[in-house]
Amino acid sequence: MRLAFMGTPEFSVPVLSELIAAGHDVAAVYTRAPKPSGRGQKMTPSPVHAFAEAHGVEVRTPKSFKAEETREAFAALDLDVAIVVAYGLILPQVVLDAPRHGCLNLHASLLPRWRGAAPIQRAIMAGDKTTGVQVMQMEAGLDTGPVLLSEAAPIKGDDTAASLHDRLSEIAAQLAPRALAALTRGGLTATPQPNDGVTYAKKINPDEARIDWSRSAAEVDQHIRGLAPFPGAWTEFNGARIKILMSGIADGAGKPGEVLNTDKTLSVACGKGAVDLKLLQRSGKRAQTNEEFLRGFAVSTGGVFS
């Protein structure tokens, strides 16, 4: 099929790779414009941008689709379909309608749960046991379109946003060619989303990353894993800001934030129960295991994380 691919982050790259490998005619790739990054603030292309250029595919980086010439340029591609994976721009109805089969979005949740920007993080933070990837026919509403293809995946007790991201990305990479093959045969059935069970995965606000030790151990653990590695849940100890990048449920009880054990582990009391802090990172330092961290940073039993 002749298609455009619209995506930006690393999550989207395996999907584009599989579509190219499957022999589809990728007429153009749309992605967010390069951004300054690093100490030198060098303009850096998105992962999708870099991958597409390396494979000789035309890359387009409009800031929006408000301009008539941008919409006309998209329509002029004469597409069978557009595949959208974490693109990051709103597509107006005229763009959604331009390809013969419209625009198909691959979304990392089981809709209608976790519509929106951060479904992977929100699923872990909420303690969900199952998530997945769905192929959806796009319409004007936010992730409201009918579902065409779906694959569920368990959320493991030690999953971080990073590990779940990688698994769901691979599932999406397998679903996209299957969806296009079925579309070619006329074998896709559109199933409207139910009205019940709608939740929204709003973008992660840096202000919510601070750990609230008054919550239960399960909630604190989910919060930490759901925000790892970015932006990273954080706390303070004796004025030092520390990111916690991995945790687990521990035995013990105490006042919220109280250090219960520093003997090779680092367990901290929550509002109910306790957690082990397994991977920590001080500002300007590399991530360290709890043993490494305790060798270089003074934390004593009875101290308090805040």
Protein backbone atom coordinates (compact mmCIF):
# COMPACT_ATOMS: atom_id res chain seq x y z
CA MET A 1 0.00 0.00 0.00
CA ARG A 2 1.03 3.60 -0.55
CA LEU A 3 1.17 5.23 2.87
CA ALA A 4 2.47 8.05 4.98
CA PHE A 5 3.92 7.33 8.39
CA MET A 6 3.40 9.85 11.17
CA GLY A 7 5.35 9.38 14.39
CA THR A 8 8.06 10.91 16.54
CA PRO A 9 9.57 8.99 19.51
CA GLU A 10 11.57 5.78 19.78
CA PHE A 11 8.32 3.87 20.38
CA SER A 12 7.32 4.52 16.76
CA VAL A 13 10.54 3.40 15.07
CA PRO A 14 9.97 -0.41 15.09
CA VAL A 15 6.58 0.14 13.44
CA LEU A 16 8.12 2.16 10.62
CA SER A 17 10.88 -0.41 10.26
CA GLU A 18 8.39 -3.27 9.86
CA LEU A 19 6.30 -1.35 7.32
CA ILE A 20 9.37 -0.68 5.19
CA ALA A 21 10.48 -4.32 5.52
CA ALA A 22 7.01 -5.51 4.48
CA GLY A 23 7.43 -3.72 1.15
CA HIS A 24 4.91 -0.92 1.60
CA ASP A 25 5.48 2.27 -0.37
CA VAL A 26 6.21 4.85 2.35
CA ALA A 27 5.66 8.05 0.40
CA ALA A 28 6.65 10.35 3.25
CA VAL A 29 7.32 10.39 6.97
CA TYR A 30 5.82 13.14 9.10
CA THR A 31 7.47 13.82 12.45
CA ARG A 32 8.04 16.62 14.95
CA ALA A 33 10.69 19.16 14.03
CA PRO A 34 14.23 18.82 15.45
CA LYS A 35 14.72 20.24 18.93
CA PRO A 36 17.80 21.59 20.74
CA SER A 37 19.27 19.06 23.17
CA GLY A 38 22.41 18.36 25.17
CA ARG A 39 24.92 20.80 26.61
CA GLY A 40 25.53 22.40 23.25
CA GLN A 41 21.81 22.67 22.49
CA LYS A 42 22.43 21.11 19.10
CA MET A 43 19.35 20.68 16.94
CA THR A 44 18.54 16.97 17.16
CA PRO A 45 16.09 15.14 14.89
CA SER A 46 13.49 12.83 16.40
CA PRO A 47 14.21 9.07 16.41
CA VAL A 48 11.69 8.60 13.59
CA HIS A 49 13.29 11.44 11.60
CA ALA A 50 16.76 9.89 11.92
CA PHE A 51 15.54 6.41 10.98
CA ALA A 52 13.58 7.63 7.95
CA GLU A 53 16.50 9.65 6.59
CA ALA A 54 18.82 6.68 7.03
CA HIS A 55 16.43 4.62 4.89
CA GLY A 56 16.01 7.21 2.16
CA VAL A 57 12.43 8.19 2.99
CA GLU A 58 11.30 11.81 2.56
CA VAL A 59 10.80 13.53 5.92
CA ARG A 60 8.38 16.38 6.56
CA THR A 61 8.25 18.38 9.81
CA PRO A 62 5.31 20.81 9.76
CA LYS A 63 4.60 22.64 13.01
CA SER A 64 0.88 22.07 12.46
CA PHE A 65 -1.68 21.31 9.77
CA LYS A 66 -3.40 24.69 9.96
CA ALA A 67 -1.79 26.02 6.79
CA GLU A 68 -3.63 25.22 3.57
CA GLU A 69 -0.39 24.42 1.74
CA THR A 70 0.52 21.82 4.39
CA ARG A 71 -2.85 20.11 3.98
CA GLU A 72 -2.62 20.24 0.19
CA ALA A 73 0.87 18.75 0.24
CA PHE A 74 -0.44 15.86 2.33
CA ALA A 75 -3.41 15.27 0.02
CA ALA A 76 -1.11 15.40 -3.02
CA LEU A 77 0.67 12.25 -1.80
CA ASP A 78 -2.37 10.30 -3.07
CA LEU A 79 -2.25 7.81 -0.18
CA ASP A 80 -4.06 4.58 0.46
CA VAL A 81 -3.67 5.08 4.22
CA ALA A 82 -1.71 6.95 6.88
CA ILE A 83 -0.25 5.13 9.90
CA VAL A 84 0.01 7.28 13.03
CA VAL A 85 2.07 6.23 16.06
CA ALA A 86 2.70 8.78 18.82
CA TYR A 87 3.02 11.64 16.36
CA GLY A 88 2.22 14.51 18.71
CA LEU A 89 0.25 16.82 16.40
CA ILE A 90 -3.51 17.20 16.02
CA LEU A 91 -4.77 16.08 12.62
CA PRO A 92 -7.79 18.05 11.33
CA GLN A 93 -10.66 16.20 9.69
CA VAL A 94 -9.55 17.17 6.18
CA VAL A 95 -6.24 15.35 6.82
CA LEU A 96 -7.95 12.34 8.39
CA ASP A 97 -10.15 12.05 5.31
CA ALA A 98 -7.41 12.52 2.68
CA PRO A 99 -6.12 8.90 2.36
CA ARG A 100 -8.51 6.42 0.72
CA HIS A 101 -8.70 4.34 3.91
CA GLY A 102 -8.24 7.24 6.30
CA CYS A 103 -5.70 7.34 9.12
CA LEU A 104 -5.00 4.41 11.43
CA ASN A 105 -3.55 5.05 14.86
CA LEU A 106 -1.64 2.50 16.96
CA HIS A 107 -2.33 3.32 20.61
CA ALA A 108 -0.62 1.75 23.62
CA SER A 109 -3.62 0.88 25.76
CA LEU A 110 -6.85 -1.09 25.65
CA LEU A 111 -9.30 1.64 24.75
CA PRO A 112 -11.32 3.36 26.06
CA ARG A 113 -8.98 3.10 29.07
CA TRP A 114 -6.10 5.57 28.93
CA ARG A 115 -6.94 7.73 25.99
CA GLY A 116 -4.36 10.46 25.56
CA ALA A 117 -0.67 11.22 25.84
CA ALA A 118 0.83 8.94 28.51
CA PRO A 119 -0.99 5.57 28.52
CA ILE A 120 2.06 3.45 29.41
CA GLN A 121 3.03 5.49 32.47
CA ARG A 122 -0.54 5.91 33.68
CA ALA A 123 -1.31 2.19 33.42
CA ILE A 124 1.62 1.29 35.71
CA MET A 125 0.94 4.17 38.09
CA ALA A 126 -2.68 3.04 38.45
CA GLY A 127 -1.71 -0.55 39.20
CA ASP A 128 -3.29 -2.02 36.06
CA LYS A 129 -2.54 -5.69 35.47
CA THR A 130 -3.17 -5.69 31.73
CA THR A 131 -2.68 -3.27 28.86
CA GLY A 132 -2.03 -3.72 25.14
CA VAL A 133 -1.89 -2.11 21.72
CA GLN A 134 -4.86 -1.34 19.51
CA VAL A 135 -5.21 -0.22 15.91
CA MET A 136 -7.88 2.45 15.76
CA GLN A 137 -9.59 4.26 12.89
CA MET A 138 -8.89 7.89 13.68
CA GLU A 139 -11.63 10.46 14.01
CA ALA A 140 -11.73 14.03 15.32
CA GLY A 141 -12.10 13.08 19.01
CA LEU A 142 -9.13 12.21 21.23
CA ASP A 143 -8.58 8.45 20.70
CA THR A 144 -12.33 7.91 20.31
CA GLY A 145 -12.36 5.99 17.00
CA PRO A 146 -13.48 2.40 16.48
CA VAL A 147 -10.97 -0.36 17.15
CA LEU A 148 -9.82 -2.48 14.20
CA LEU A 149 -7.24 -4.80 15.74
CA SER A 150 -6.08 -5.45 19.29
CA GLU A 151 -3.49 -7.39 21.27
CA ALA A 152 -3.37 -7.48 25.07
CA ALA A 153 -0.21 -7.69 27.19
CA PRO A 154 0.30 -8.29 30.92
CA ILE A 155 1.89 -5.65 33.13
CA LYS A 156 4.47 -7.43 35.26
CA GLY A 157 5.14 -6.63 38.89
CA ASP A 158 8.63 -5.34 38.10
CA ASP A 159 7.74 -3.45 34.91
CA THR A 160 8.93 0.11 34.54
CA ALA A 161 7.65 2.53 31.94
CA ALA A 162 10.80 1.70 29.95
CA SER A 163 10.37 -2.09 29.94
CA LEU A 164 6.65 -1.91 29.16
CA HIS A 165 7.33 0.68 26.46
CA ASP A 166 9.73 -1.68 24.70
CA ARG A 167 7.33 -4.66 24.78
CA LEU A 168 4.39 -2.64 23.53
CA SER A 169 6.51 -1.09 20.80
CA GLU A 170 7.34 -4.55 19.48
CA ILE A 171 3.67 -5.57 19.64
CA ALA A 172 2.77 -2.44 17.65
CA ALA A 173 5.44 -3.31 15.08
CA GLN A 174 3.78 -6.68 14.51
CA LEU A 175 0.22 -5.34 14.49
CA ALA A 176 0.74 -2.65 11.84
CA PRO A 177 1.63 -4.98 8.92
CA ARG A 178 -1.16 -7.35 9.99
CA ALA A 179 -3.64 -4.49 9.93
CA LEU A 180 -2.58 -3.40 6.45
CA ALA A 181 -2.71 -6.96 5.12
CA ALA A 182 -6.24 -7.33 6.48
CA LEU A 183 -7.18 -3.91 5.10
CA THR A 184 -6.03 -5.02 1.66
CA ARG A 185 -8.26 -8.11 1.90
CA GLY A 186 -11.18 -6.12 3.29
CA GLY A 187 -10.95 -8.14 6.49
CA LEU A 188 -10.91 -5.42 9.15
CA THR A 189 -13.99 -5.01 11.32
CA ALA A 190 -14.49 -1.69 13.10
CA THR A 191 -15.72 -2.13 16.69
CA PRO A 192 -16.98 1.05 18.40
CA GLN A 193 -15.46 1.76 21.77
CA PRO A 194 -17.77 1.23 24.75
CA ASN A 195 -19.08 4.28 26.56
CA ASP A 196 -18.15 2.85 29.94
CA GLY A 197 -14.62 2.72 31.34
CA VAL A 198 -13.25 5.86 29.70
CA THR A 199 -10.10 7.23 31.39
CA TYR A 200 -7.59 9.82 30.22
CA ALA A 201 -3.81 9.48 30.34
CA LYS A 202 -2.88 13.12 30.71
CA LYS A 203 0.69 14.18 30.00
CA ILE A 204 3.04 13.63 32.93
CA ASN A 205 3.48 16.87 34.88
CA PRO A 206 6.95 17.20 36.45
CA ASP A 207 5.30 18.50 39.62
CA GLU A 208 3.60 15.15 40.22
CA ALA A 209 6.88 13.20 40.12
CA ARG A 210 7.69 13.86 43.78
CA ILE A 211 7.08 10.77 45.93
CA ASP A 212 4.31 11.03 48.51
CA TRP A 213 5.46 8.68 51.26
CA SER A 214 2.05 8.86 52.99
CA ARG A 215 0.60 6.68 50.24
CA SER A 216 0.59 2.89 50.49
CA ALA A 217 3.66 0.87 49.53
CA ALA A 218 1.86 -0.48 46.45
CA GLU A 219 1.01 3.04 45.28
CA VAL A 220 4.53 4.37 45.92
CA ASP A 221 6.06 1.40 44.07
CA GLN A 222 3.71 1.90 41.10
CA HIS A 223 4.48 5.62 41.08
CA ILE A 224 8.22 4.98 40.98
CA ARG A 225 8.09 2.32 38.27
CA GLY A 226 5.59 4.25 36.17
CA LEU A 227 7.88 7.27 36.01
CA ALA A 228 11.12 5.39 35.33
CA PRO A 229 13.30 6.42 33.65
CA PHE A 230 11.64 9.73 32.71
CA PRO A 231 10.94 12.07 34.33
CA GLY A 232 11.89 9.90 37.33
CA ALA A 233 10.08 9.89 40.67
CA TRP A 234 12.09 11.85 43.21
CA THR A 235 12.46 12.53 46.89
CA GLU A 236 14.84 14.36 49.22
CA PHE A 237 17.15 13.25 52.02
CA ASN A 238 18.96 15.84 54.11
CA GLY A 239 18.42 18.40 51.38
CA ALA A 240 19.76 16.23 48.54
CA ARG A 241 17.37 15.53 45.67
CA ILE A 242 17.37 11.86 44.65
CA LYS A 243 15.58 10.11 41.79
CA ILE A 244 14.30 6.60 42.44
CA LEU A 245 14.35 4.55 39.24
CA MET A 246 13.44 1.08 40.54
CA SER A 247 11.69 -0.22 43.64
CA GLY A 248 9.86 -3.20 45.08
CA ILE A 249 7.56 -4.06 47.97
CA ALA A 250 9.38 -4.66 51.28
CA ASP A 251 8.53 -5.87 54.78
CA GLY A 252 8.27 -3.42 57.64
CA ALA A 253 6.35 -0.42 58.88
CA GLY A 254 7.10 3.02 60.26
CA LYS A 255 6.25 6.65 59.81
CA PRO A 256 6.05 7.73 56.15
CA GLY A 257 9.52 8.22 54.65
CA GLU A 258 11.37 6.61 57.56
CA VAL A 259 14.43 4.54 56.67
CA LEU A 260 13.89 1.04 58.07
CA ASN A 261 16.93 -0.86 56.82
CA THR A 262 20.30 0.01 55.30
CA ASP A 263 21.89 -3.44 55.52
CA LYS A 264 22.57 -4.05 51.80
CA THR A 265 18.98 -2.99 51.07
CA LEU A 266 17.38 0.41 51.47
CA SER A 267 13.83 0.00 52.72
CA VAL A 268 11.61 2.97 53.47
CA ALA A 269 8.27 3.08 55.26
CA CYS A 270 5.14 4.29 53.50
CA GLY A 271 1.69 5.19 54.79
CA LYS A 272 1.03 1.46 54.75
CA GLY A 273 3.86 -1.04 54.34
CA ALA A 274 7.30 -0.29 52.94
CA VAL A 275 9.31 -0.29 49.71
CA ASP A 276 12.86 -1.25 48.79
CA LEU A 277 14.66 1.44 46.82
CA LYS A 278 16.68 -0.56 44.29
CA LEU A 279 18.06 1.98 41.82
CA LEU A 280 18.80 5.57 42.79
CA GLN A 281 20.32 8.61 41.13
CA ARG A 282 21.61 11.78 42.72
CA SER A 283 21.72 15.01 40.70
CA GLY A 284 24.67 14.97 38.34
CA LYS A 285 25.51 11.34 39.12
CA ARG A 286 24.90 8.06 37.31
CA ALA A 287 22.20 5.67 38.46
CA GLN A 288 23.38 3.34 41.26
CA THR A 289 22.14 0.18 42.92
CA ASN A 290 21.15 0.58 46.57
CA GLU A 291 24.44 -1.01 47.68
CA GLU A 292 26.49 1.39 45.57
CA PHE A 293 24.42 4.32 46.72
CA LEU A 294 24.80 3.49 50.42
CA ARG A 295 28.58 3.23 50.07
CA GLY A 296 28.79 6.82 48.82
CA PHE A 297 25.91 8.58 50.55
CA ALA A 298 25.21 8.66 54.28
CA VAL A 299 21.77 7.21 55.01
CA SER A 300 21.09 5.84 58.47
CA THR A 301 18.19 3.87 59.92
CA GLY A 302 15.65 6.26 61.36
CA GLY A 303 16.45 8.99 58.86
CA VAL A 304 13.56 10.34 56.83
CA PHE A 305 13.01 10.79 53.10
CA SER A 306 10.74 13.73 52.39
